[in-house]
Amino acid sequence: MTQTPQPPVPAEWQTRAEKTDYRQTARYDETIAYSRRLDASSPLIRYQSFGISGEGRDLPLLIVAEGETFTPEAARKAGKAVLLIQACIHPGEPDGKDAGLALLRDIAITKTRRGLLERVVILYIPIYNVDGHERFGPYNRINQNGPEEMGWRANATNLNLNRDYMKLDAPETRAWLKVWNQWKPDLLIDCHVTDGADYQYDITYIYEHHEHVPKAIVDWHRDAFDGRIFPATERAGSLLAQYMTFRDNRDASKGIDAFIMPPRFSTGYTPLRNSPGLTIETHMLKDYRTRVRGTYDLLMYTLEEMNRNTERLLGAVRSSEEEAIALGRSFDPKRLVPLRVEMTDKTVPFQLKGVEALTDISEVSGKGRVVFGTKPVEYTVPLYDDVRVTKAVAPPLYYIVPPQWKDVIEILAAHGLRLERLAAPVEIEVESYRFSEVKWAASPFEGRLRASYKTSVVRERRTFAAGSVVVPLAQAASRVAIHLLEPDAPDSFVSWGFFNAIFEQKEDAEDYKLEKLARDMLARDENLRREFEERLKRDAKFAASPEARLKFFYERSPYWDRQMNLYPVGRITTELNLRLTDF
């Protein structure tokens, strides 16, 4: 397909990509200079830094608006929707940077894209991962067709920022959240480039569309993107499809998988904040011009939709917020919020616009390899895009976090959650969890050793110290609290290792003391004796381990640490009548 021609641009306003016939992309300093020049040349654009990176660089933000709607308050008062566009969270994928700068120029300088600010305010981050952007070179993206040089995927501490939206380990993520909490954007678009197989599509996309996402957000995604934005982008000359992962690159007939984004990802996070989100994934084997121009068109048609049907978007956001607040207004054990979903084996036929592929046995690797050609082919393959909920929870009215877990409390606050503190110690009935079969990953993931475990519910009275933090769920960000504080959620504090210390045994016992303790316990408790003897009969591994046999008694004795493997956070399912202070 042929993309629509680019509007004429004066030489002094061409981006680095345009000046070099899309062979190059600008470095950080040049991008900042161009952004500041946009600010200086147009009353529609204001440049600011929204934070500082690990290596000390400013994080650039361009606010694009008409009139005086350059603040969240003014934008809301004017009834405008807020679109946040971010590029270069993976700086080796700079398509969104060059597309976004060109679009802002055409709105504010050449004025060839009029009307896109009538009912919209744009927040634009041309380079999110600024430190990774400046690890610049020609060898950072082996799979990608241009530009000649580009940045590196991770930030200065080797963190992938698009896995950090819940745990907030990076200064860039915390700075981004301040922008989000201040503006509360109605839509996020995150610009990327794929890896993977070859096919005809210029652009693939991801938006969350299953039952773990608020229905109002799913409905808006389908209505706006599928109904109008994607068709308009295709009419402009790009070919689009849902993001796909081939089950076997050598044999497409085995099918393709859709993608589920847990909230560690940008557009997995935004539905928890009641906003739609779109990840653009241009196809890495298409030339850079095609990818940048396709991104430009998709951004432009999204803005047209937002201006044309503003209230539809704002209504979806309001509906999701109201639903989130309602989760904390009453406790209903039958009202479940999905935490985890997984693909089922159910498929639908998908008409794949692929390219010719040949396979043979590689003399290098010794296994089958695929060689993609250029001849277009179309065939029907199974698409796996059906999910089932594997973990769900009935939200409490409140969570309560003891004050010593300061990192956890700090992150809850950074997510914009409303928090309160206990003014005095209190003993209260709570639900919580006890963990078993705790294991850790063999290697770090995003700088952390993730934990896996099984949970069982416990109900008990506990004393919480003054200063313990109460998290009411009757608030718009309630889903963030649920996903952070419910251990079975995929990006919970427990899964990321924030509570690893609770799994450590701190006191031990000598064998000669346990031998005597065991005999005393057996003599006093006939039920315990039967349990021990039955365990010996049915569990050969246990029977063969002196250590396990002695530990059996230690764990059942009053000497065992009852707080080990016990979740410190409480779930409160009844109304509180406590003296609380502001956080």
Protein backbone atom coordinates (compact mmCIF):
# COMPACT_ATOMS: atom_id res chain seq x y z
CA MET A 1 0.00 0.00 0.00
CA THR A 2 1.13 3.59 -0.64
CA GLN A 3 0.91 6.05 2.21
CA THR A 4 -0.56 9.51 1.71
CA PRO A 5 1.98 12.18 0.74
CA GLN A 6 3.55 14.23 3.47
CA PRO A 7 2.56 17.93 3.61
CA PRO A 8 5.31 20.32 2.47
CA VAL A 9 7.63 21.37 5.29
CA PRO A 10 10.05 24.33 5.29
CA ALA A 11 13.66 23.14 5.43
CA GLU A 12 14.29 24.81 8.78
CA TRP A 13 11.48 22.81 10.37
CA GLN A 14 12.32 19.39 9.02
CA THR A 15 13.17 16.77 11.61
CA ARG A 16 16.45 14.86 11.45
CA ALA A 17 14.55 11.92 9.95
CA GLU A 18 13.05 14.07 7.20
CA LYS A 19 16.33 15.83 6.42
CA THR A 20 18.12 12.51 5.93
CA ASP A 21 15.38 10.76 3.95
CA TYR A 22 14.56 8.73 7.08
CA ARG A 23 18.06 7.28 7.44
CA GLN A 24 18.74 8.93 10.80
CA THR A 25 17.01 9.94 14.02
CA ALA A 26 18.06 12.86 16.23
CA ARG A 27 20.14 12.54 19.38
CA TYR A 28 18.89 13.81 22.74
CA ASP A 29 20.37 17.34 22.53
CA GLU A 30 19.00 17.90 19.04
CA THR A 31 15.56 16.63 20.10
CA ILE A 32 15.49 18.96 23.11
CA ALA A 33 16.59 21.88 20.95
CA TYR A 34 13.84 21.16 18.41
CA SER A 35 11.28 20.86 21.22
CA ARG A 36 12.34 24.17 22.74
CA ARG A 37 12.14 25.82 19.32
CA LEU A 38 8.57 24.60 18.96
CA ASP A 39 7.80 26.25 22.29
CA ALA A 40 9.51 29.52 21.31
CA SER A 41 7.77 29.66 17.92
CA SER A 42 4.17 28.86 18.82
CA PRO A 43 1.76 29.82 21.60
CA LEU A 44 0.23 26.34 21.20
CA ILE A 45 3.26 24.50 22.65
CA ARG A 46 5.01 24.70 25.99
CA TYR A 47 8.13 22.75 26.84
CA GLN A 48 8.99 21.60 30.36
CA SER A 49 10.98 18.96 32.14
CA PHE A 50 8.90 16.48 34.12
CA GLY A 51 11.82 14.97 36.04
CA ILE A 52 15.46 13.95 36.06
CA SER A 53 16.86 10.64 34.83
CA GLY A 54 19.32 8.44 36.69
CA GLU A 55 22.22 10.04 34.83
CA GLY A 56 20.90 13.55 35.41
CA ARG A 57 19.16 14.39 32.12
CA ASP A 58 15.93 16.34 31.93
CA LEU A 59 12.86 14.30 30.97
CA PRO A 60 11.13 16.33 28.22
CA LEU A 61 7.40 17.01 28.10
CA LEU A 62 5.58 19.12 25.52
CA ILE A 63 2.12 20.41 26.40
CA VAL A 64 0.09 21.26 23.29
CA ALA A 65 -3.14 23.20 23.71
CA GLU A 66 -5.24 26.07 22.44
CA GLY A 67 -6.17 29.06 24.54
CA GLU A 68 -5.19 28.83 28.18
CA THR A 69 -5.82 25.12 28.69
CA PHE A 70 -2.23 24.36 29.67
CA THR A 71 -3.14 23.12 33.14
CA PRO A 72 -5.20 20.09 34.17
CA GLU A 73 -7.74 22.33 35.86
CA ALA A 74 -8.21 24.53 32.79
CA ALA A 75 -8.42 21.53 30.47
CA ARG A 76 -11.11 19.89 32.59
CA LYS A 77 -13.05 23.12 32.97
CA ALA A 78 -13.06 23.49 29.19
CA GLY A 79 -14.32 19.93 28.75
CA LYS A 80 -11.22 18.82 26.87
CA ALA A 81 -9.86 15.29 26.69
CA VAL A 82 -6.20 14.74 27.50
CA LEU A 83 -4.04 12.52 25.29
CA LEU A 84 -0.62 11.39 26.54
CA ILE A 85 1.69 10.22 23.75
CA GLN A 86 5.03 8.75 24.76
CA ALA A 87 7.94 7.69 22.60
CA CYS A 88 11.31 6.06 23.19
CA ILE A 89 10.48 4.19 26.36
CA HIS A 90 12.54 1.73 24.31
CA PRO A 91 14.89 4.18 22.58
CA GLY A 92 15.95 1.66 19.96
CA GLU A 93 12.38 2.10 18.70
CA PRO A 94 12.31 5.85 17.87
CA ASP A 95 9.37 5.89 15.43
CA GLY A 96 7.09 7.74 17.83
CA LYS A 97 9.69 10.43 18.47
CA ASP A 98 10.02 11.41 14.81
CA ALA A 99 6.31 10.98 14.11
CA GLY A 100 5.23 13.00 17.14
CA LEU A 101 7.61 15.91 16.55
CA ALA A 102 6.44 16.12 12.93
CA LEU A 103 2.78 16.05 13.96
CA LEU A 104 3.23 18.77 16.58
CA ARG A 105 5.05 20.91 14.03
CA ASP A 106 2.24 20.44 11.53
CA ILE A 107 -0.32 21.42 14.16
CA ALA A 108 1.52 24.47 15.50
CA ILE A 109 3.98 25.69 12.84
CA THR A 110 2.95 24.71 9.31
CA LYS A 111 -0.70 24.51 10.42
CA THR A 112 -1.45 21.77 7.91
CA ARG A 113 -3.20 19.76 10.63
CA ARG A 114 -5.81 22.17 11.91
CA GLY A 115 -8.57 21.42 14.37
CA LEU A 116 -6.77 18.72 16.33
CA LEU A 117 -6.66 20.83 19.52
CA GLU A 118 -10.26 22.01 19.50
CA ARG A 119 -11.33 19.59 22.22
CA VAL A 120 -8.03 17.91 23.11
CA VAL A 121 -4.89 18.72 25.06
CA ILE A 122 -1.79 16.74 24.03
CA LEU A 123 0.95 15.74 26.44
CA TYR A 124 3.90 14.51 24.40
CA ILE A 125 7.05 12.82 25.71
CA PRO A 126 9.45 12.58 22.74
CA ILE A 127 12.06 10.63 24.71
CA TYR A 128 10.98 8.82 27.87
CA ASN A 129 14.12 6.74 28.47
CA VAL A 130 16.64 9.53 27.92
CA ASP A 131 19.67 7.67 29.29
CA GLY A 132 19.03 4.60 27.18
CA HIS A 133 18.52 6.93 24.22
CA GLU A 134 22.09 8.19 24.54
CA ARG A 135 23.57 4.70 24.57
CA PHE A 136 23.47 5.33 20.85
CA GLY A 137 24.85 3.14 18.11
CA PRO A 138 24.26 1.04 14.99
CA TYR A 139 24.18 -2.33 16.77
CA ASN A 140 21.36 -1.93 19.27
CA ARG A 141 18.54 -3.54 17.25
CA ILE A 142 19.67 -6.49 15.15
CA ASN A 143 16.11 -7.25 14.02
CA GLN A 144 15.24 -3.73 12.88
CA ASN A 145 15.37 -2.03 9.46
CA GLY A 146 16.60 1.47 10.32
CA PRO A 147 17.38 4.09 11.28
CA GLU A 148 21.16 3.84 10.92
CA GLU A 149 21.73 4.35 14.66
CA MET A 150 19.43 4.30 17.62
CA GLY A 151 19.33 4.08 21.43
CA TRP A 152 19.33 1.14 23.84
CA ARG A 153 16.31 -0.66 25.28
CA ALA A 154 17.01 -0.30 29.03
CA ASN A 155 17.73 2.72 31.21
CA ALA A 156 21.05 3.53 32.90
CA THR A 157 20.52 0.86 35.59
CA ASN A 158 19.53 -1.71 32.95
CA LEU A 159 15.84 -1.62 33.81
CA ASN A 160 13.18 -1.97 31.13
CA LEU A 161 10.91 0.95 31.93
CA ASN A 162 8.01 -0.82 30.27
CA ARG A 163 8.07 -3.40 33.03
CA ASP A 164 8.19 -0.87 35.88
CA TYR A 165 4.73 0.67 36.04
CA MET A 166 3.76 -1.09 39.27
CA LYS A 167 6.98 -1.53 41.26
CA LEU A 168 8.41 1.92 40.40
CA ASP A 169 12.10 1.09 40.74
CA ALA A 170 13.23 3.74 38.23
CA PRO A 171 13.27 7.52 38.75
CA GLU A 172 11.83 7.91 35.27
CA THR A 173 8.73 5.89 36.20
CA ARG A 174 8.12 7.86 39.38
CA ALA A 175 8.45 11.12 37.45
CA TRP A 176 6.01 9.82 34.83
CA LEU A 177 3.50 8.99 37.56
CA LYS A 178 3.60 12.55 38.82
CA VAL A 179 2.53 13.69 35.35
CA TRP A 180 -0.20 11.05 35.28
CA ASN A 181 -1.50 11.90 38.75
CA GLN A 182 -1.52 15.60 37.93
CA TRP A 183 -3.21 15.38 34.52
CA LYS A 184 -5.12 12.06 34.72
CA PRO A 185 -4.97 11.55 30.93
CA ASP A 186 -8.01 10.11 29.21
CA LEU A 187 -5.93 8.09 26.75
CA LEU A 188 -2.32 6.89 26.54
CA ILE A 189 -0.56 5.96 23.31
CA ASP A 190 2.81 4.25 23.74
CA CYS A 191 4.92 4.03 20.56
CA HIS A 192 7.01 0.90 19.90
CA VAL A 193 8.49 -1.31 17.17
CA THR A 194 8.00 -5.10 17.04
CA ASP A 195 10.35 -8.01 16.97
CA GLY A 196 9.16 -11.37 15.64
CA ALA A 197 8.16 -12.79 12.29
CA ASP A 198 7.77 -11.17 8.88
CA TYR A 199 4.38 -10.30 7.37
CA GLN A 200 2.73 -7.62 5.27
CA TYR A 201 1.39 -5.43 8.09
CA ASP A 202 3.09 -2.05 8.64
CA ILE A 203 1.56 -1.57 12.08
CA THR A 204 0.33 -3.91 14.77
CA TYR A 205 -1.35 -2.74 17.93
CA ILE A 206 -2.30 -3.85 21.41
CA TYR A 207 -5.19 -2.72 23.53
CA GLU A 208 -6.57 -4.69 26.45
CA HIS A 209 -9.93 -6.23 25.58
CA HIS A 210 -10.74 -9.01 28.01
CA GLU A 211 -12.72 -9.27 31.23
CA HIS A 212 -9.88 -8.19 33.47
CA VAL A 213 -10.38 -4.65 32.08
CA PRO A 214 -13.35 -2.39 32.92
CA LYS A 215 -16.11 -2.94 30.38
CA ALA A 216 -16.42 0.76 29.56
CA ILE A 217 -12.75 0.84 28.57
CA VAL A 218 -13.03 -2.32 26.45
CA ASP A 219 -16.12 -0.95 24.70
CA TRP A 220 -14.37 2.33 23.90
CA HIS A 221 -11.30 0.50 22.58
CA ARG A 222 -13.40 -1.55 20.19
CA ASP A 223 -15.70 1.25 19.14
CA ALA A 224 -13.09 3.97 18.55
CA PHE A 225 -10.04 2.01 17.41
CA ASP A 226 -11.66 -0.84 15.50
CA GLY A 227 -14.60 1.21 14.31
CA ARG A 228 -12.95 4.40 13.05
CA ILE A 229 -9.29 5.05 13.91
CA PHE A 230 -7.76 1.90 12.41
CA PRO A 231 -9.88 2.01 9.22
CA ALA A 232 -8.90 5.66 8.68
CA THR A 233 -5.23 4.80 9.13
CA GLU A 234 -5.55 1.99 6.59
CA ARG A 235 -7.24 4.30 4.10
CA ALA A 236 -4.19 6.57 4.47
CA GLY A 237 -1.97 3.74 3.25
CA SER A 238 -0.90 1.55 6.17
CA LEU A 239 -1.87 -2.07 6.74
CA LEU A 240 -2.85 -2.84 10.35
CA ALA A 241 -3.43 -5.93 12.47
CA GLN A 242 -3.64 -6.94 16.08
CA TYR A 243 -0.19 -7.60 17.59
CA MET A 244 0.69 -11.23 17.08
CA THR A 245 3.25 -13.75 18.24
CA PHE A 246 3.72 -16.75 15.98
CA ARG A 247 3.67 -20.03 17.87
CA ASP A 248 6.29 -21.25 15.42
CA ASN A 249 7.99 -18.79 13.05
CA ARG A 250 8.79 -21.70 10.75
CA ASP A 251 5.17 -22.82 10.49
CA ALA A 252 2.48 -20.14 10.72
CA SER A 253 -0.24 -22.77 10.38
CA LYS A 254 0.32 -23.62 14.06
CA GLY A 255 -1.32 -20.33 14.88
CA ILE A 256 -0.65 -17.00 16.48
CA ASP A 257 -1.12 -15.73 20.00
CA ALA A 258 -2.59 -12.40 20.96
CA PHE A 259 -0.95 -10.56 23.84
CA ILE A 260 -2.15 -9.93 27.38
CA MET A 261 -0.47 -7.01 29.13
CA PRO A 262 -0.22 -7.28 32.90
CA PRO A 263 -0.08 -3.91 34.67
CA ARG A 264 3.73 -3.78 34.68
CA PHE A 265 3.30 -2.60 31.05
CA SER A 266 2.15 0.91 30.14
CA THR A 267 -1.17 0.01 28.52
CA GLY A 268 -1.73 -2.78 31.01
CA TYR A 269 -1.46 -0.15 33.75
CA THR A 270 -3.73 2.52 32.28
CA PRO A 271 -6.98 0.50 32.59
CA LEU A 272 -6.24 0.23 36.33
CA ARG A 273 -6.31 4.04 36.26
CA ASN A 274 -9.59 4.01 34.31
CA SER A 275 -8.14 5.17 31.00
CA PRO A 276 -7.87 3.46 27.63
CA GLY A 277 -4.41 2.74 26.31
CA LEU A 278 -2.95 1.76 22.95
CA THR A 279 0.47 0.29 22.23
CA ILE A 280 1.58 0.93 18.66
CA GLU A 281 3.99 -1.72 17.36
CA THR A 282 5.24 -0.80 13.91
CA HIS A 283 6.78 -3.73 12.03
CA MET A 284 10.54 -3.77 12.48
CA LEU A 285 11.28 -5.05 8.94
CA LYS A 286 9.48 -2.18 7.23
CA ASP A 287 11.66 0.80 6.27
CA TYR A 288 11.88 3.69 8.69
CA ARG A 289 9.87 6.11 6.52
CA THR A 290 6.95 3.69 6.34
CA ARG A 291 7.01 3.13 10.09
CA VAL A 292 7.26 6.81 11.04
CA ARG A 293 4.58 7.91 8.57
CA GLY A 294 2.27 5.12 9.70
CA THR A 295 2.71 6.18 13.33
CA TYR A 296 2.05 9.80 12.34
CA ASP A 297 -1.22 8.83 10.64
CA LEU A 298 -2.41 6.69 13.54
CA LEU A 299 -1.72 9.51 16.02
CA MET A 300 -3.47 12.03 13.78
CA TYR A 301 -6.61 9.92 13.30
CA THR A 302 -6.75 9.24 17.03
CA LEU A 303 -6.77 12.98 17.63
CA GLU A 304 -9.53 13.40 15.05
CA GLU A 305 -11.61 10.78 16.85
CA MET A 306 -11.01 12.39 20.23
CA ASN A 307 -12.15 15.77 18.90
CA ARG A 308 -15.15 14.34 17.06
CA ASN A 309 -16.40 12.11 19.89
CA THR A 310 -14.93 13.70 23.00
CA GLU A 311 -17.83 12.95 25.30
CA ARG A 312 -17.81 9.28 24.36
CA LEU A 313 -14.22 8.97 25.61
CA LEU A 314 -14.79 11.08 28.72
CA GLY A 315 -17.90 9.06 29.49
CA ALA A 316 -15.97 5.79 29.33
CA VAL A 317 -13.39 7.17 31.74
CA ARG A 318 -16.09 8.43 34.12
CA SER A 319 -17.91 5.11 34.04
CA SER A 320 -14.73 3.22 34.87
CA GLU A 321 -13.93 5.62 37.72
CA GLU A 322 -17.42 5.22 39.19
CA GLU A 323 -17.07 1.45 39.01
CA ALA A 324 -13.68 1.62 40.75
CA ILE A 325 -15.02 3.81 43.56
CA ALA A 326 -18.01 1.50 44.04
CA LEU A 327 -15.65 -1.42 44.75
CA GLY A 328 -14.88 0.11 48.13
CA ARG A 329 -18.34 1.28 49.15
CA SER A 330 -19.60 -2.13 50.25
CA PHE A 331 -18.12 -5.57 50.71
CA ASP A 332 -19.65 -8.33 48.64
CA PRO A 333 -17.86 -11.70 48.79
CA LYS A 334 -19.52 -12.67 45.50
CA ARG A 335 -18.27 -9.61 43.60
CA LEU A 336 -14.93 -10.73 42.19
CA VAL A 337 -12.26 -8.63 40.52
CA PRO A 338 -10.07 -10.61 38.09
CA LEU A 339 -6.37 -10.60 38.95
CA ARG A 340 -4.93 -13.05 36.43
CA VAL A 341 -6.10 -14.30 33.06
CA GLU A 342 -4.54 -16.82 30.72
CA MET A 343 -5.13 -17.92 27.16
CA THR A 344 -7.40 -20.88 26.54
CA ASP A 345 -7.13 -23.36 23.69
CA LYS A 346 -10.16 -21.79 21.97
CA THR A 347 -9.33 -20.19 18.61
CA VAL A 348 -10.93 -18.15 15.87
CA PRO A 349 -9.86 -18.17 12.22
CA PHE A 350 -7.58 -15.28 11.27
CA GLN A 351 -6.84 -14.27 7.68
CA LEU A 352 -3.10 -13.66 7.88
CA LYS A 353 -1.49 -11.39 5.32
CA GLY A 354 1.92 -12.98 5.40
CA VAL A 355 4.91 -13.35 3.12
CA GLU A 356 6.40 -16.38 1.48
CA ALA A 357 8.60 -18.38 3.87
CA LEU A 358 10.97 -21.22 3.14
CA THR A 359 12.45 -23.60 5.70
CA ASP A 360 15.51 -25.79 5.75
CA ILE A 361 17.99 -27.25 8.22
CA SER A 362 20.66 -24.77 9.21
CA GLU A 363 24.29 -25.87 8.95
CA VAL A 364 25.05 -23.23 11.60
CA SER A 365 22.59 -24.07 14.38
CA GLY A 366 21.70 -27.57 13.28
CA LYS A 367 17.98 -26.89 13.61
CA GLY A 368 15.26 -25.76 11.27
CA ARG A 369 15.49 -22.16 10.13
CA VAL A 370 13.07 -19.88 8.33
CA VAL A 371 13.93 -17.63 5.39
CA PHE A 372 11.29 -15.02 4.64
CA GLY A 373 10.84 -13.89 1.06
CA THR A 374 9.04 -10.91 -0.42
CA LYS A 375 6.10 -12.52 -2.17
CA PRO A 376 2.80 -11.74 -0.39
CA VAL A 377 0.70 -14.74 0.62
CA GLU A 378 -2.57 -15.00 2.50
CA TYR A 379 -3.83 -17.96 4.46
CA THR A 380 -6.11 -18.71 7.38
CA VAL A 381 -4.49 -19.58 10.70
CA PRO A 382 -5.89 -20.11 14.21
CA LEU A 383 -5.78 -17.04 16.44
CA TYR A 384 -5.58 -17.66 20.19
CA ASP A 385 -7.33 -14.69 21.76
CA ASP A 386 -9.71 -16.18 24.29
CA VAL A 387 -8.91 -16.01 28.00
CA ARG A 388 -10.15 -17.41 31.26
CA VAL A 389 -9.80 -15.87 34.69
CA THR A 390 -7.41 -17.93 36.81
CA LYS A 391 -7.29 -15.70 39.91
CA ALA A 392 -9.93 -13.32 41.23
CA VAL A 393 -10.66 -11.69 44.57
CA ALA A 394 -13.51 -10.00 46.39
CA PRO A 395 -12.11 -6.55 47.24
CA PRO A 396 -12.20 -5.54 50.91
CA LEU A 397 -13.30 -2.12 52.06
CA TYR A 398 -9.79 -1.27 53.22
CA TYR A 399 -6.27 -2.62 53.31
CA ILE A 400 -4.05 -1.89 56.28
CA VAL A 401 -0.25 -1.85 56.01
CA PRO A 402 1.99 -1.80 59.10
CA PRO A 403 4.19 1.33 59.20
CA GLN A 404 7.53 -0.50 59.00
CA TRP A 405 6.93 -1.47 55.37
CA LYS A 406 7.99 1.97 54.23
CA ASP A 407 8.93 1.09 50.63
CA VAL A 408 5.49 -0.37 50.08
CA ILE A 409 3.75 2.66 51.57
CA GLU A 410 5.89 5.05 49.52
CA ILE A 411 4.93 3.29 46.29
CA LEU A 412 1.24 3.26 47.18
CA ALA A 413 1.45 7.02 47.66
CA ALA A 414 3.37 7.50 44.42
CA HIS A 415 0.54 5.79 42.53
CA GLY A 416 -1.76 8.57 43.68
CA LEU A 417 -3.72 6.48 46.15
CA ARG A 418 -5.45 8.26 49.00
CA LEU A 419 -3.96 6.99 52.25
CA GLU A 420 -4.70 7.54 55.95
CA ARG A 421 -2.83 6.63 59.13
CA LEU A 422 -3.87 5.10 62.43
CA ALA A 423 -3.62 7.73 65.14
CA ALA A 424 -3.20 5.08 67.83
CA PRO A 425 -2.57 1.32 68.03
CA VAL A 426 -5.61 -0.82 67.39
CA GLU A 427 -6.57 -4.48 67.59
CA ILE A 428 -8.86 -5.35 64.72
CA GLU A 429 -10.32 -8.33 62.86
CA VAL A 430 -8.68 -8.80 59.47
CA GLU A 431 -8.41 -11.26 56.64
CA SER A 432 -4.95 -12.02 55.37
CA TYR A 433 -2.90 -14.81 53.78
CA ARG A 434 -0.46 -17.49 54.81
CA PHE A 435 2.05 -18.62 52.20
CA SER A 436 3.32 -22.10 51.42
CA GLU A 437 5.55 -23.71 48.79
CA VAL A 438 7.50 -20.47 48.45
CA LYS A 439 10.09 -20.46 45.67
CA TRP A 440 12.26 -17.87 44.00
CA ALA A 441 13.25 -17.49 40.40
CA ALA A 442 16.67 -18.84 39.42
CA SER A 443 17.77 -15.45 38.10
CA PRO A 444 16.72 -11.80 38.46
CA PHE A 445 14.00 -10.24 36.37
CA GLU A 446 14.10 -6.46 36.09
CA GLY A 447 16.54 -6.31 38.98
CA ARG A 448 14.42 -8.37 41.38
CA LEU A 449 14.16 -12.00 42.40
CA ARG A 450 10.50 -12.75 41.92
CA ALA A 451 8.70 -15.12 44.27
CA SER A 452 6.06 -17.75 43.59
CA TYR A 453 3.88 -19.36 46.27
CA LYS A 454 0.52 -20.70 47.24
CA THR A 455 -1.82 -18.70 49.45
CA SER A 456 -4.46 -19.66 51.98
CA VAL A 457 -6.82 -17.22 53.68
CA VAL A 458 -6.51 -16.58 57.41
CA ARG A 459 -8.90 -14.61 59.59
CA GLU A 460 -7.70 -13.33 62.92
CA ARG A 461 -7.45 -10.40 65.25
CA ARG A 462 -4.22 -8.45 64.92
CA THR A 463 -2.75 -5.44 66.60
CA PHE A 464 -1.60 -2.72 64.21
CA ALA A 465 0.77 -0.02 65.43
CA ALA A 466 0.09 3.69 65.35
CA GLY A 467 1.12 5.02 61.96
CA SER A 468 -0.15 1.96 60.10
CA VAL A 469 -1.49 3.03 56.74
CA VAL A 470 -5.12 2.44 55.83
CA VAL A 471 -5.95 2.26 52.11
CA PRO A 472 -9.67 2.87 51.51
CA LEU A 473 -10.90 1.29 48.29
CA ALA A 474 -13.69 3.80 47.70
CA GLN A 475 -11.44 5.77 45.36
CA ALA A 476 -10.73 5.93 41.64
CA ALA A 477 -7.36 4.17 41.85
CA SER A 478 -8.74 1.20 43.81
CA ARG A 479 -7.72 -1.33 41.16
CA VAL A 480 -4.07 -0.29 41.56
CA ALA A 481 -4.26 -1.00 45.30
CA ILE A 482 -5.87 -4.38 44.66
CA HIS A 483 -3.21 -5.41 42.15
CA LEU A 484 -0.37 -4.29 44.42
CA LEU A 485 -1.70 -5.66 47.70
CA GLU A 486 -3.33 -8.93 46.63
CA PRO A 487 -0.43 -11.43 46.56
CA ASP A 488 -1.93 -13.50 43.74
CA ALA A 489 -1.93 -10.57 41.31
CA PRO A 490 0.82 -10.81 38.65
CA ASP A 491 2.55 -7.59 39.71
CA SER A 492 1.85 -7.58 43.43
CA PHE A 493 4.35 -6.39 45.99
CA VAL A 494 4.81 -9.97 47.18
CA SER A 495 5.50 -11.33 43.69
CA TRP A 496 8.12 -8.62 43.08
CA GLY A 497 9.94 -9.48 46.30
CA PHE A 498 9.01 -6.52 48.51
CA PHE A 499 8.06 -8.89 51.34
CA ASN A 500 10.78 -11.51 50.92
CA ALA A 501 11.91 -11.09 54.53
CA ILE A 502 8.69 -12.65 55.85
CA PHE A 503 9.74 -15.98 54.33
CA GLU A 504 12.96 -16.21 56.34
CA GLN A 505 13.29 -18.35 59.45
CA LYS A 506 15.13 -16.34 62.10
CA GLU A 507 15.30 -18.78 65.02
CA ASP A 508 16.41 -22.39 64.92
CA ALA A 509 16.51 -25.31 67.36
CA GLU A 510 19.18 -27.87 68.16
CA ASP A 511 18.37 -31.47 67.32
CA TYR A 512 18.82 -32.71 70.89
CA LYS A 513 16.23 -30.16 72.10
CA LEU A 514 13.80 -31.11 69.33
CA GLU A 515 14.20 -34.82 70.13
CA LYS A 516 13.03 -34.20 73.68
CA LEU A 517 10.31 -31.78 72.56
CA ALA A 518 8.95 -34.32 70.04
CA ARG A 519 8.75 -37.10 72.61
CA ASP A 520 6.93 -34.83 75.06
CA MET A 521 4.45 -33.76 72.37
CA LEU A 522 3.80 -37.37 71.26
CA ALA A 523 3.20 -38.43 74.84
CA ARG A 524 0.65 -35.65 75.40
CA ASP A 525 -1.22 -35.61 72.09
CA GLU A 526 -2.62 -38.81 70.59
CA ASN A 527 -3.98 -36.95 67.55
CA LEU A 528 -0.51 -35.60 66.83
CA ARG A 529 0.92 -39.12 67.11
CA ARG A 530 -1.58 -40.43 64.54
CA GLU A 531 -0.83 -37.50 62.18
CA PHE A 532 2.92 -38.17 62.45
CA GLU A 533 2.59 -41.91 61.87
CA GLU A 534 0.29 -41.43 58.87
CA ARG A 535 2.73 -38.96 57.37
CA LEU A 536 5.53 -41.51 57.76
CA LYS A 537 3.47 -44.10 55.88
CA ARG A 538 2.37 -41.93 52.93
CA ASP A 539 5.43 -39.70 52.45
CA ALA A 540 8.61 -41.69 51.83
CA LYS A 541 10.70 -38.55 51.35
CA PHE A 542 9.55 -37.23 54.72
CA ALA A 543 10.16 -40.58 56.40
CA ALA A 544 13.73 -40.67 55.07
CA SER A 545 14.63 -37.16 56.31
CA PRO A 546 15.58 -36.75 59.99
CA GLU A 547 15.50 -32.97 59.54
CA ALA A 548 11.96 -33.00 58.15
CA ARG A 549 10.73 -35.30 60.87
CA LEU A 550 12.09 -33.04 63.61
CA LYS A 551 10.80 -29.92 61.88
CA PHE A 552 7.32 -31.49 61.86
CA PHE A 553 7.26 -31.10 65.65
CA TYR A 554 9.04 -27.75 65.75
CA GLU A 555 6.39 -26.23 63.46
CA ARG A 556 3.61 -27.48 65.72
CA SER A 557 5.22 -26.32 68.91
CA PRO A 558 4.75 -22.96 70.67
CA TYR A 559 8.37 -22.13 69.76
CA TRP A 560 7.63 -21.84 66.04
CA ASP A 561 7.48 -18.30 64.57
CA ARG A 562 3.81 -17.79 63.75
CA GLN A 563 4.60 -14.68 61.73
CA MET A 564 6.81 -16.53 59.29
CA ASN A 565 5.05 -16.91 55.92
CA LEU A 566 2.23 -14.68 57.20
CA TYR A 567 1.31 -11.67 55.09
CA PRO A 568 1.66 -8.48 57.18
CA VAL A 569 -1.05 -6.64 55.24
CA GLY A 570 -4.62 -6.96 56.44
CA ARG A 571 -7.89 -6.93 54.50
CA ILE A 572 -10.71 -5.18 56.35
CA THR A 573 -14.20 -6.10 55.19
CA THR A 574 -16.28 -4.14 57.72
CA GLU A 575 -16.70 -0.42 58.18
CA LEU A 576 -14.00 1.22 60.30
CA ASN A 577 -14.76 3.35 63.32
CA LEU A 578 -11.20 4.39 64.11
CA ARG A 579 -9.34 7.62 64.65
CA LEU A 580 -7.39 8.23 61.45
CA THR A 581 -5.11 11.05 60.41
CA ASP A 582 -4.15 12.31 56.97
CA PHE A 583 -1.17 10.61 55.35
